[in-house]
Amino acid sequence: MSKYDPLWEFIQKNGGPAVQLSFDEIRDIMGIEIDHSFLSYKKELTRYGYQVGKISLKKRTVIFNQTDRAQ
């Protein structure tokens, strides 16, 4: 089990073709702040039918895009 599983499950259940979440929204979903380990863990998201599209440090947002393998 990954510390990011709650986020991946949220995106899978609530997402459409693209989902944009702020860093604050991600913190609220996970219960912890997003950190540099996100870059290593993001590949887990493909099992849930999504991939990380764009990370904006300036806007403090992450865009998640649905893949062709969406479940």
PDB file of N, CA and C in Angstrom:
ATOM      1  N   MET A   1       0.847  -1.188   0.000  1.00  0.00           N
ATOM      2  CA  MET A   1       0.000   0.000   0.000  1.00  0.00           C
ATOM      3  C   MET A   1       0.891   1.249   0.000  1.00  0.00           C
ATOM      4  N   SER A   2       0.527   2.185  -0.803  1.00  0.00           N
ATOM      5  CA  SER A   2       1.282   3.419  -0.957  1.00  0.00           C
ATOM      6  C   SER A   2       0.620   4.545  -0.166  1.00  0.00           C
ATOM      7  N   LYS A   3       1.419   5.510   0.263  1.00  0.00           N
ATOM      8  CA  LYS A   3       0.838   6.658   0.962  1.00  0.00           C
ATOM      9  C   LYS A   3      -0.044   7.491   0.030  1.00  0.00           C
ATOM     10  N   TYR A   4       0.100   7.295  -1.280  1.00  0.00           N
ATOM     11  CA  TYR A   4      -0.700   8.037  -2.251  1.00  0.00           C
ATOM     12  C   TYR A   4      -1.970   7.305  -2.680  1.00  0.00           C
ATOM     13  N   ASP A   5      -2.199   6.098  -2.186  1.00  0.00           N
ATOM     14  CA  ASP A   5      -3.403   5.347  -2.561  1.00  0.00           C
ATOM     15  C   ASP A   5      -4.701   6.120  -2.345  1.00  0.00           C
ATOM     16  N   PRO A   6      -4.870   6.850  -1.234  1.00  0.00           N
ATOM     17  CA  PRO A   6      -6.114   7.614  -1.075  1.00  0.00           C
ATOM     18  C   PRO A   6      -6.332   8.640  -2.188  1.00  0.00           C
ATOM     19  N   LEU A   7      -5.264   9.253  -2.656  1.00  0.00           N
ATOM     20  CA  LEU A   7      -5.357  10.221  -3.746  1.00  0.00           C
ATOM     21  C   LEU A   7      -5.712   9.518  -5.050  1.00  0.00           C
ATOM     22  N   TRP A   8      -5.026   8.418  -5.342  1.00  0.00           N
ATOM     23  CA  TRP A   8      -5.304   7.685  -6.582  1.00  0.00           C
ATOM     24  C   TRP A   8      -6.755   7.204  -6.609  1.00  0.00           C
ATOM     25  N   GLU A   9      -7.248   6.695  -5.488  1.00  0.00           N
ATOM     26  CA  GLU A   9      -8.633   6.214  -5.416  1.00  0.00           C
ATOM     27  C   GLU A   9      -9.622   7.369  -5.596  1.00  0.00           C
ATOM     28  N   PHE A  10      -9.328   8.514  -4.999  1.00  0.00           N
ATOM     29  CA  PHE A  10     -10.187   9.686  -5.157  1.00  0.00           C
ATOM     30  C   PHE A  10     -10.279  10.088  -6.625  1.00  0.00           C
ATOM     31  N   ILE A  11      -9.142  10.140  -7.300  1.00  0.00           N
ATOM     32  CA  ILE A  11      -9.127  10.541  -8.707  1.00  0.00           C
ATOM     33  C   ILE A  11      -9.914   9.540  -9.547  1.00  0.00           C
ATOM     34  N   GLN A  12      -9.724   8.267  -9.284  1.00  0.00           N
ATOM     35  CA  GLN A  12     -10.429   7.232 -10.053  1.00  0.00           C
ATOM     36  C   GLN A  12     -11.939   7.334  -9.856  1.00  0.00           C
ATOM     37  N   LYS A  13     -12.386   7.582  -8.640  1.00  0.00           N
ATOM     38  CA  LYS A  13     -13.821   7.632  -8.336  1.00  0.00           C
ATOM     39  C   LYS A  13     -14.475   8.937  -8.773  1.00  0.00           C
ATOM     40  N   ASN A  14     -13.740  10.039  -8.725  1.00  0.00           N
ATOM     41  CA  ASN A  14     -14.332  11.355  -8.945  1.00  0.00           C
ATOM     42  C   ASN A  14     -13.881  12.052 -10.219  1.00  0.00           C
ATOM     43  N   GLY A  15     -13.014  11.419 -10.975  1.00  0.00           N
ATOM     44  CA  GLY A  15     -12.412  12.085 -12.117  1.00  0.00           C
ATOM     45  C   GLY A  15     -13.161  11.879 -13.415  1.00  0.00           C
ATOM     46  N   GLY A  16     -12.934  12.796 -14.316  1.00  0.00           N
ATOM     47  CA  GLY A  16     -13.408  12.702 -15.686  1.00  0.00           C
ATOM     48  C   GLY A  16     -12.187  12.553 -16.571  1.00  0.00           C
ATOM     49  N   PRO A  17     -12.256  13.066 -17.789  1.00  0.00           N
ATOM     50  CA  PRO A  17     -11.096  12.983 -18.688  1.00  0.00           C
ATOM     51  C   PRO A  17      -9.854  13.683 -18.127  1.00  0.00           C
ATOM     52  N   ALA A  18     -10.068  14.771 -17.388  1.00  0.00           N
ATOM     53  CA  ALA A  18      -8.963  15.495 -16.752  1.00  0.00           C
ATOM     54  C   ALA A  18      -9.432  16.020 -15.399  1.00  0.00           C
ATOM     55  N   VAL A  19      -8.551  15.945 -14.426  1.00  0.00           N
ATOM     56  CA  VAL A  19      -8.852  16.407 -13.066  1.00  0.00           C
ATOM     57  C   VAL A  19      -7.728  17.342 -12.640  1.00  0.00           C
ATOM     58  N   GLN A  20      -8.090  18.538 -12.190  1.00  0.00           N
ATOM     59  CA  GLN A  20      -7.095  19.458 -11.644  1.00  0.00           C
ATOM     60  C   GLN A  20      -7.336  19.603 -10.155  1.00  0.00           C
ATOM     61  N   LEU A  21      -6.306  19.366  -9.385  1.00  0.00           N
ATOM     62  CA  LEU A  21      -6.383  19.518  -7.937  1.00  0.00           C
ATOM     63  C   LEU A  21      -5.267  20.437  -7.463  1.00  0.00           C
ATOM     64  N   SER A  22      -5.589  21.271  -6.500  1.00  0.00           N
ATOM     65  CA  SER A  22      -4.563  22.122  -5.900  1.00  0.00           C
ATOM     66  C   SER A  22      -3.774  21.299  -4.883  1.00  0.00           C
ATOM     67  N   PHE A  23      -2.608  21.784  -4.527  1.00  0.00           N
ATOM     68  CA  PHE A  23      -1.815  21.118  -3.500  1.00  0.00           C
ATOM     69  C   PHE A  23      -2.614  21.022  -2.199  1.00  0.00           C
ATOM     70  N   ASP A  24      -3.407  22.054  -1.886  1.00  0.00           N
ATOM     71  CA  ASP A  24      -4.223  22.047  -0.669  1.00  0.00           C
ATOM     72  C   ASP A  24      -5.300  20.965  -0.732  1.00  0.00           C
ATOM     73  N   GLU A  25      -5.935  20.813  -1.898  1.00  0.00           N
ATOM     74  CA  GLU A  25      -6.948  19.765  -2.052  1.00  0.00           C
ATOM     75  C   GLU A  25      -6.317  18.375  -1.913  1.00  0.00           C
ATOM     76  N   ILE A  26      -5.139  18.217  -2.466  1.00  0.00           N
ATOM     77  CA  ILE A  26      -4.431  16.942  -2.340  1.00  0.00           C
ATOM     78  C   ILE A  26      -4.121  16.659  -0.876  1.00  0.00           C
ATOM     79  N   ARG A  27      -3.678  17.675  -0.149  1.00  0.00           N
ATOM     80  CA  ARG A  27      -3.403  17.521   1.284  1.00  0.00           C
ATOM     81  C   ARG A  27      -4.670  17.113   2.036  1.00  0.00           C
ATOM     82  N   ASP A  28      -5.798  17.727   1.690  1.00  0.00           N
ATOM     83  CA  ASP A  28      -7.057  17.394   2.360  1.00  0.00           C
ATOM     84  C   ASP A  28      -7.476  15.953   2.082  1.00  0.00           C
ATOM     85  N   ILE A  29      -7.248  15.477   0.875  1.00  0.00           N
ATOM     86  CA  ILE A  29      -7.606  14.107   0.503  1.00  0.00           C
ATOM     87  C   ILE A  29      -6.696  13.100   1.198  1.00  0.00           C
ATOM     88  N   MET A  30      -5.393  13.388   1.213  1.00  0.00           N
ATOM     89  CA  MET A  30      -4.413  12.445   1.741  1.00  0.00           C
ATOM     90  C   MET A  30      -4.169  12.575   3.235  1.00  0.00           C
ATOM     91  N   GLY A  31      -4.375  13.764   3.758  1.00  0.00           N
ATOM     92  CA  GLY A  31      -4.073  13.994   5.166  1.00  0.00           C
ATOM     93  C   GLY A  31      -2.620  14.374   5.409  1.00  0.00           C
ATOM     94  N   ILE A  32      -1.840  14.473   4.323  1.00  0.00           N
ATOM     95  CA  ILE A  32      -0.443  14.900   4.422  1.00  0.00           C
ATOM     96  C   ILE A  32      -0.130  15.797   3.225  1.00  0.00           C
ATOM     97  N   GLU A  33       0.942  16.579   3.362  1.00  0.00           N
ATOM     98  CA  GLU A  33       1.369  17.469   2.281  1.00  0.00           C
ATOM     99  C   GLU A  33       1.987  16.660   1.140  1.00  0.00           C
ATOM    100  N   ILE A  34       1.797  17.118  -0.076  1.00  0.00           N
ATOM    101  CA  ILE A  34       2.490  16.539  -1.225  1.00  0.00           C
ATOM    102  C   ILE A  34       3.966  16.913  -1.089  1.00  0.00           C
ATOM    103  N   ASP A  35       4.852  15.967  -1.418  1.00  0.00           N
ATOM    104  CA  ASP A  35       6.276  16.250  -1.307  1.00  0.00           C
ATOM    105  C   ASP A  35       7.017  15.713  -2.531  1.00  0.00           C
ATOM    106  N   HIS A  36       8.337  15.816  -2.510  1.00  0.00           N
ATOM    107  CA  HIS A  36       9.137  15.410  -3.669  1.00  0.00           C
ATOM    108  C   HIS A  36       8.965  13.936  -4.028  1.00  0.00           C
ATOM    109  N   SER A  37       8.560  13.095  -3.076  1.00  0.00           N
ATOM    110  CA  SER A  37       8.372  11.670  -3.365  1.00  0.00           C
ATOM    111  C   SER A  37       7.227  11.447  -4.350  1.00  0.00           C
ATOM    112  N   PHE A  38       6.361  12.446  -4.517  1.00  0.00           N
ATOM    113  CA  PHE A  38       5.260  12.348  -5.474  1.00  0.00           C
ATOM    114  C   PHE A  38       5.782  11.990  -6.864  1.00  0.00           C
ATOM    115  N   LEU A  39       6.930  12.511  -7.216  1.00  0.00           N
ATOM    116  CA  LEU A  39       7.511  12.252  -8.539  1.00  0.00           C
ATOM    117  C   LEU A  39       7.848  10.774  -8.723  1.00  0.00           C
ATOM    118  N   SER A  40       8.226  10.100  -7.653  1.00  0.00           N
ATOM    119  CA  SER A  40       8.514   8.666  -7.727  1.00  0.00           C
ATOM    120  C   SER A  40       7.238   7.839  -7.713  1.00  0.00           C
ATOM    121  N   TYR A  41       6.260   8.253  -6.943  1.00  0.00           N
ATOM    122  CA  TYR A  41       5.024   7.495  -6.769  1.00  0.00           C
ATOM    123  C   TYR A  41       4.020   7.687  -7.912  1.00  0.00           C
ATOM    124  N   LYS A  42       4.170   8.746  -8.694  1.00  0.00           N
ATOM    125  CA  LYS A  42       3.153   9.086  -9.692  1.00  0.00           C
ATOM    126  C   LYS A  42       2.920   7.982 -10.714  1.00  0.00           C
ATOM    127  N   LYS A  43       3.904   7.126 -10.950  1.00  0.00           N
ATOM    128  CA  LYS A  43       3.719   6.041 -11.918  1.00  0.00           C
ATOM    129  C   LYS A  43       2.696   5.005 -11.430  1.00  0.00           C
ATOM    130  N   GLU A  44       2.427   4.954 -10.126  1.00  0.00           N
ATOM    131  CA  GLU A  44       1.396   4.057  -9.587  1.00  0.00           C
ATOM    132  C   GLU A  44       0.004   4.405 -10.121  1.00  0.00           C
ATOM    133  N   LEU A  45      -0.193   5.643 -10.466  1.00  0.00           N
ATOM    134  CA  LEU A  45      -1.506   6.133 -10.883  1.00  0.00           C
ATOM    135  C   LEU A  45      -2.016   5.444 -12.143  1.00  0.00           C
ATOM    136  N   THR A  46      -1.129   4.939 -12.981  1.00  0.00           N
ATOM    137  CA  THR A  46      -1.569   4.284 -14.220  1.00  0.00           C
ATOM    138  C   THR A  46      -2.421   3.052 -13.940  1.00  0.00           C
ATOM    139  N   ARG A  47      -2.224   2.412 -12.794  1.00  0.00           N
ATOM    140  CA  ARG A  47      -3.077   1.268 -12.417  1.00  0.00           C
ATOM    141  C   ARG A  47      -4.526   1.689 -12.194  1.00  0.00           C
ATOM    142  N   TYR A  48      -4.742   2.964 -11.973  1.00  0.00           N
ATOM    143  CA  TYR A  48      -6.083   3.503 -11.719  1.00  0.00           C
ATOM    144  C   TYR A  48      -6.674   4.171 -12.958  1.00  0.00           C
ATOM    145  N   GLY A  49      -5.964   4.086 -14.085  1.00  0.00           N
ATOM    146  CA  GLY A  49      -6.476   4.628 -15.337  1.00  0.00           C
ATOM    147  C   GLY A  49      -6.172   6.088 -15.575  1.00  0.00           C
ATOM    148  N   TYR A  50      -5.209   6.634 -14.846  1.00  0.00           N
ATOM    149  CA  TYR A  50      -4.832   8.045 -14.993  1.00  0.00           C
ATOM    150  C   TYR A  50      -3.320   8.177 -15.032  1.00  0.00           C
ATOM    151  N   GLN A  51      -2.881   9.345 -15.464  1.00  0.00           N
ATOM    152  CA  GLN A  51      -1.473   9.703 -15.404  1.00  0.00           C
ATOM    153  C   GLN A  51      -1.358  11.169 -15.010  1.00  0.00           C
ATOM    154  N   VAL A  52      -0.213  11.534 -14.472  1.00  0.00           N
ATOM    155  CA  VAL A  52       0.025  12.928 -14.122  1.00  0.00           C
ATOM    156  C   VAL A  52       0.327  13.679 -15.409  1.00  0.00           C
ATOM    157  N   GLY A  53      -0.455  14.726 -15.663  1.00  0.00           N
ATOM    158  CA  GLY A  53      -0.273  15.519 -16.866  1.00  0.00           C
ATOM    159  C   GLY A  53       0.693  16.662 -16.649  1.00  0.00           C
ATOM    160  N   LYS A  54       0.362  17.574 -15.751  1.00  0.00           N
ATOM    161  CA  LYS A  54       1.201  18.754 -15.531  1.00  0.00           C
ATOM    162  C   LYS A  54       1.205  19.101 -14.057  1.00  0.00           C
ATOM    163  N   ILE A  55       2.372  19.402 -13.562  1.00  0.00           N
ATOM    164  CA  ILE A  55       2.539  19.886 -12.193  1.00  0.00           C
ATOM    165  C   ILE A  55       2.967  21.340 -12.289  1.00  0.00           C
ATOM    166  N   SER A  56       2.175  22.240 -11.725  1.00  0.00           N
ATOM    167  CA  SER A  56       2.510  23.661 -11.733  1.00  0.00           C
ATOM    168  C   SER A  56       2.884  24.097 -10.320  1.00  0.00           C
ATOM    169  N   LEU A  57       4.162  24.375 -10.134  1.00  0.00           N
ATOM    170  CA  LEU A  57       4.605  24.860  -8.831  1.00  0.00           C
ATOM    171  C   LEU A  57       4.138  26.289  -8.594  1.00  0.00           C
ATOM    172  N   LYS A  58       4.029  27.064  -9.664  1.00  0.00           N
ATOM    173  CA  LYS A  58       3.585  28.451  -9.544  1.00  0.00           C
ATOM    174  C   LYS A  58       2.126  28.518  -9.089  1.00  0.00           C
ATOM    175  N   LYS A  59       1.250  27.743  -9.744  1.00  0.00           N
ATOM    176  CA  LYS A  59      -0.170  27.737  -9.378  1.00  0.00           C
ATOM    177  C   LYS A  59      -0.479  26.769  -8.239  1.00  0.00           C
ATOM    178  N   ARG A  60       0.501  25.916  -7.910  1.00  0.00           N
ATOM    179  CA  ARG A  60       0.338  24.882  -6.875  1.00  0.00           C
ATOM    180  C   ARG A  60      -0.818  23.937  -7.229  1.00  0.00           C
ATOM    181  N   THR A  61      -0.787  23.431  -8.468  1.00  0.00           N
ATOM    182  CA  THR A  61      -1.814  22.510  -8.946  1.00  0.00           C
ATOM    183  C   THR A  61      -1.166  21.321  -9.663  1.00  0.00           C
ATOM    184  N   VAL A  62      -1.944  20.243  -9.741  1.00  0.00           N
ATOM    185  CA  VAL A  62      -1.551  19.075 -10.517  1.00  0.00           C
ATOM    186  C   VAL A  62      -2.742  18.707 -11.400  1.00  0.00           C
ATOM    187  N   ILE A  63      -2.466  18.442 -12.667  1.00  0.00           N
ATOM    188  CA  ILE A  63      -3.508  17.980 -13.591  1.00  0.00           C
ATOM    189  C   ILE A  63      -3.282  16.495 -13.837  1.00  0.00           C
ATOM    190  N   PHE A  64      -4.336  15.734 -13.673  1.00  0.00           N
ATOM    191  CA  PHE A  64      -4.328  14.296 -13.900  1.00  0.00           C
ATOM    192  C   PHE A  64      -5.183  14.002 -15.122  1.00  0.00           C
ATOM    193  N   ASN A  65      -4.659  13.220 -16.061  1.00  0.00           N
ATOM    194  CA  ASN A  65      -5.372  12.897 -17.285  1.00  0.00           C
ATOM    195  C   ASN A  65      -5.716  11.417 -17.342  1.00  0.00           C
ATOM    196  N   GLN A  66      -6.927  11.134 -17.773  1.00  0.00           N
ATOM    197  CA  GLN A  66      -7.359   9.755 -17.928  1.00  0.00           C
ATOM    198  C   GLN A  66      -6.595   9.119 -19.092  1.00  0.00           C
ATOM    199  N   THR A  67      -6.190   7.866 -18.917  1.00  0.00           N
ATOM    200  CA  THR A  67      -5.497   7.159 -19.979  1.00  0.00           C
ATOM    201  C   THR A  67      -6.485   6.278 -20.741  1.00  0.00           C
ATOM    202  N   ASP A  68      -6.030   5.705 -21.814  1.00  0.00           N
ATOM    203  CA  ASP A  68      -6.871   4.792 -22.594  1.00  0.00           C
ATOM    204  C   ASP A  68      -7.211   3.533 -21.823  1.00  0.00           C
ATOM    205  N   ARG A  69      -6.430   3.253 -20.795  1.00  0.00           N
ATOM    206  CA  ARG A  69      -6.632   2.050 -19.981  1.00  0.00           C
ATOM    207  C   ARG A  69      -7.562   2.293 -18.799  1.00  0.00           C
ATOM    208  N   ALA A  70      -8.373   3.300 -18.822  1.00  0.00           N
ATOM    209  CA  ALA A  70      -9.251   3.613 -17.680  1.00  0.00           C
ATOM    210  C   ALA A  70     -10.118   2.407 -17.341  1.00  0.00           C
ATOM    211  N   GLN A  71     -10.215   2.152 -16.048  1.00  0.00           N
ATOM    212  CA  GLN A  71     -10.973   0.986 -15.561  1.00  0.00           C
ATOM    213  C   GLN A  71     -12.386   1.373 -15.199  1.00  0.00           C
TER     214      GLN A  71
END
